[in-house]
Protein backbone atom coordinates (compact mmCIF):
# COMPACT_ATOMS: atom_id res chain seq x y z
CA MET A 1 6.65 -6.32 -16.99
CA LYS A 2 9.69 -4.20 -16.24
CA THR A 3 11.87 -4.85 -13.17
CA ILE A 4 13.82 -2.26 -11.16
CA TYR A 5 16.39 -3.46 -8.62
CA LEU A 6 16.32 -1.16 -5.59
CA HIS A 7 18.71 -1.15 -2.63
CA PRO A 8 16.68 -2.02 0.51
CA GLN A 9 18.54 0.21 3.00
CA ASN A 10 19.55 3.10 0.73
CA PRO A 11 17.05 3.35 -2.14
CA GLN A 12 18.62 5.08 -5.13
CA PRO A 13 16.92 8.46 -5.84
CA ARG A 14 17.22 8.01 -9.61
CA LEU A 15 15.32 4.71 -9.46
CA LEU A 16 12.75 6.10 -7.02
CA GLU A 17 12.09 8.88 -9.53
CA GLN A 18 11.36 6.27 -12.22
CA ILE A 19 9.01 4.41 -9.86
CA LYS A 20 7.25 7.65 -8.96
CA GLN A 21 6.63 8.35 -12.65
CA VAL A 22 5.20 4.86 -13.21
CA LEU A 23 2.75 5.40 -10.33
CA ARG A 24 1.80 8.89 -11.53
CA ASP A 25 1.15 7.42 -14.99
CA GLY A 26 -1.57 5.26 -13.41
CA GLN A 27 0.23 1.93 -13.59
CA ILE A 28 0.35 -1.00 -11.15
CA ILE A 29 3.59 -1.87 -9.36
CA ALA A 30 4.68 -4.68 -7.04
CA TYR A 31 6.64 -3.03 -4.23
CA PRO A 32 8.23 -4.30 -1.00
CA THR A 33 6.52 -3.43 2.29
CA GLU A 34 6.96 -4.63 5.86
CA ILE A 35 4.15 -7.16 5.26
CA GLY A 36 5.73 -8.52 2.08
CA TYR A 37 5.50 -7.50 -1.55
CA ALA A 38 2.20 -5.82 -2.33
CA LEU A 39 0.66 -4.13 -5.34
CA LEU A 40 0.52 -0.35 -5.27
CA THR A 41 -1.47 2.15 -7.29
CA HIS A 42 -1.48 5.94 -7.06
CA ILE A 43 -4.40 7.35 -5.07
CA THR A 44 -5.70 9.15 -8.18
CA ALA A 45 -5.35 6.16 -10.55
CA LYS A 46 -8.99 5.09 -10.77
CA ASP A 47 -8.43 2.88 -13.85
CA ALA A 48 -5.52 1.04 -12.22
CA LEU A 49 -7.67 0.44 -9.16
CA ALA A 50 -10.34 -1.24 -11.30
CA LYS A 51 -7.69 -3.31 -13.08
CA VAL A 52 -5.91 -4.46 -9.91
CA THR A 53 -9.09 -5.72 -8.25
CA LYS A 54 -9.41 -8.29 -11.06
CA ILE A 55 -6.03 -9.90 -10.24
CA PRO A 56 -6.86 -13.24 -8.56
CA THR A 57 -3.94 -13.20 -6.09
CA ILE A 58 -5.22 -10.05 -4.35
CA ILE A 59 -6.91 -10.33 -0.95
CA GLN A 60 -10.36 -8.82 -1.45
CA ARG A 61 -11.25 -6.58 1.49
CA ASP A 62 -14.33 -4.50 2.25
CA GLN A 63 -12.19 -1.37 2.44
CA HIS A 64 -9.43 -0.05 0.25
CA VAL A 65 -6.25 0.64 2.21
CA ILE A 66 -4.00 3.64 1.70
CA ILE A 67 -0.39 3.83 2.84
CA CYS A 68 0.61 6.86 4.89
CA GLN A 69 3.95 8.09 6.20
CA ASN A 70 2.59 8.98 9.62
CA ILE A 71 -0.59 9.70 11.57
CA SER A 72 -0.56 13.32 10.45
CA ASN A 73 -0.56 12.23 6.80
CA ALA A 74 -3.36 9.73 7.54
CA SER A 75 -5.52 12.46 9.08
CA THR A 76 -5.75 14.03 5.61
CA TYR A 77 -8.01 11.12 4.59
CA VAL A 78 -9.57 9.84 7.83
CA ASP A 79 -11.06 11.26 11.01
CA ILE A 80 -9.00 10.22 14.03
CA ASN A 81 -10.19 10.85 17.59
CA ASP A 82 -8.00 10.71 20.72
CA GLU A 83 -8.73 7.06 21.54
CA GLN A 84 -8.02 5.93 17.97
CA PHE A 85 -4.83 8.02 17.96
CA ARG A 86 -3.54 6.27 21.12
CA ILE A 87 -4.26 2.81 19.69
CA ILE A 88 -2.54 3.62 16.38
CA LYS A 89 0.45 5.22 18.11
CA ASN A 90 0.98 2.17 20.36
CA SER A 91 0.46 -0.51 17.73
CA ASN A 92 3.01 -2.57 15.84
CA PRO A 93 4.37 -1.24 12.55
CA GLY A 94 2.55 -2.68 9.56
CA ASN A 95 -0.86 -2.95 11.20
CA GLN A 96 -3.80 -1.67 9.21
CA PHE A 97 -6.66 0.34 10.68
CA ILE A 98 -10.23 0.80 9.49
CA LEU A 99 -11.38 4.36 10.20
CA PRO A 100 -14.15 6.73 9.12
CA SER A 101 -13.18 8.57 5.94
CA ASN A 102 -13.42 12.34 5.66
CA LYS A 103 -14.29 14.71 2.81
CA GLN A 104 -10.74 14.65 1.39
CA THR A 105 -10.89 10.90 0.63
CA PRO A 106 -11.59 10.15 -3.03
CA LYS A 107 -15.15 8.80 -3.28
CA TYR A 108 -14.16 5.72 -5.30
CA LEU A 109 -11.99 4.51 -2.39
CA ILE A 110 -14.72 4.73 0.25
CA ASN A 111 -16.80 1.70 1.16
CA PRO A 112 -20.35 2.91 0.31
CA LYS A 113 -21.94 0.79 3.07
CA ASN A 114 -20.11 2.29 6.02
CA LYS A 115 -18.03 5.22 4.67
CA ASN A 116 -14.80 3.72 6.04
CA ILE A 117 -11.33 3.34 4.58
CA GLY A 118 -8.25 1.49 5.73
CA ILE A 119 -4.91 3.09 6.52
CA HIS A 120 -1.49 1.49 6.76
CA ILE A 121 1.21 3.58 8.43
CA THR A 122 4.58 2.35 7.23
CA ALA A 123 8.00 2.36 8.83
CA TYR A 124 9.65 0.45 5.97
CA GLU A 125 12.52 2.52 4.53
CA PRO A 126 12.09 1.85 0.78
CA LEU A 127 8.37 2.64 1.06
CA LEU A 128 8.95 5.79 3.14
CA ALA A 129 11.49 7.01 0.58
CA LEU A 130 8.97 6.55 -2.23
CA LEU A 131 6.17 8.31 -0.34
CA GLU A 132 8.44 11.26 0.48
CA LEU A 133 9.40 11.65 -3.17
CA LEU A 134 5.83 11.16 -4.37
CA GLU A 135 4.47 13.74 -1.90
CA ASP A 136 1.20 11.84 -2.02
CA THR A 137 -0.17 8.52 -0.90
CA VAL A 138 -0.78 5.22 -2.63
CA VAL A 139 -3.36 2.46 -2.36
CA ILE A 140 -1.99 -0.89 -1.21
CA HIS A 141 -3.43 -4.16 -2.50
CA GLU A 142 -2.26 -7.05 -0.36
CA LEU A 143 -1.31 -10.32 -2.05
CA ASP A 144 -2.66 -13.62 -0.69
CA ASN A 145 0.23 -15.52 0.89
CA GLU A 146 -1.61 -18.82 0.40
CA ILE A 147 -1.54 -18.33 -3.38
CA ILE A 148 1.72 -16.45 -3.89
CA GLU A 149 4.92 -16.19 -1.80
CA VAL A 150 4.78 -12.52 -0.72
CA SER A 151 8.39 -12.41 0.48
CA SER A 152 9.82 -13.48 -2.90
CA PRO A 153 10.04 -11.16 -5.90
CA TYR A 154 10.76 -14.21 -8.05
CA ASP A 155 7.38 -15.82 -7.34
CA ILE A 156 5.68 -12.49 -8.05
CA GLU A 157 7.59 -12.19 -11.31
CA ASP A 158 6.48 -15.69 -12.35
CA ARG A 159 2.83 -15.38 -11.34
CA LEU A 160 2.02 -11.75 -12.09
CA ASP A 161 3.87 -11.23 -15.36
CA GLY A 162 1.47 -9.52 -17.75
CA GLN A 163 -0.84 -8.36 -14.94
CA ILE A 164 1.34 -5.62 -13.46
CA ASP A 165 3.53 -2.96 -15.06
CA LEU A 166 6.56 -2.86 -12.76
CA LEU A 167 8.24 -5.08 -10.17
CA VAL A 168 10.52 -3.33 -7.68
CA ASN A 169 12.95 -6.00 -6.54
CA VAL A 170 14.89 -5.66 -3.27
CA ASP A 171 15.46 -9.45 -3.18
CA VAL A 172 13.72 -11.76 -0.72
CA ILE A 173 12.44 -9.82 2.30
CA ASN A 174 11.57 -10.70 5.88
CA THR A 175 7.88 -10.11 6.45
CA MET A 176 6.15 -9.09 9.65
CA GLY A 177 2.83 -10.39 10.87
CA HIS A 178 0.15 -7.75 10.97
CA GLU A 179 -3.43 -7.23 12.02
CA VAL A 180 -6.35 -5.33 10.56
CA LEU A 181 -7.97 -3.39 13.40
CA ASP A 182 -11.43 -1.90 12.96
CA LEU A 183 -11.42 1.36 14.90
CA SER A 184 -14.40 2.89 13.10
CA ASP A 185 -16.80 2.49 16.04
CA LEU A 186 -14.58 4.06 18.71
């Protein structure tokens, strides 16, 4: 596993470019988010998605969750009505929302039982910088805080070595509590 040390307030463009290439190559990275370190895969990396779901420290959810820069970006992959829009707009940063997918969502990300997908709209600067450079979205795979310390890159390095391709280290981070809100029936 390779490690890149990224500045948390001013992410270096040269390093972000390297991270972007790793994601585009279909590899798995541990990256800081407002909810702690999480594993990320590119939205088109079907093989990485299959590989990451076998990692035992991942929280297994019914829906895959994609990270978006804003509600407009999220509407590329999900259908959002006015009531859902208001709830998302007024919620805390880092919350995740389960919404009905649309035709643009890759089929392998959609829950076949209910046709829903999760979205996570980020406000975390290092993640926003990566998404802007990538000009695409990524799938987030949340780590289980009961098994692994999600705020510490050192615990991730110890426990996930050999299971992921890249660790992006911004040192220990403060994590925010978050909720998963099912808005699919609104």
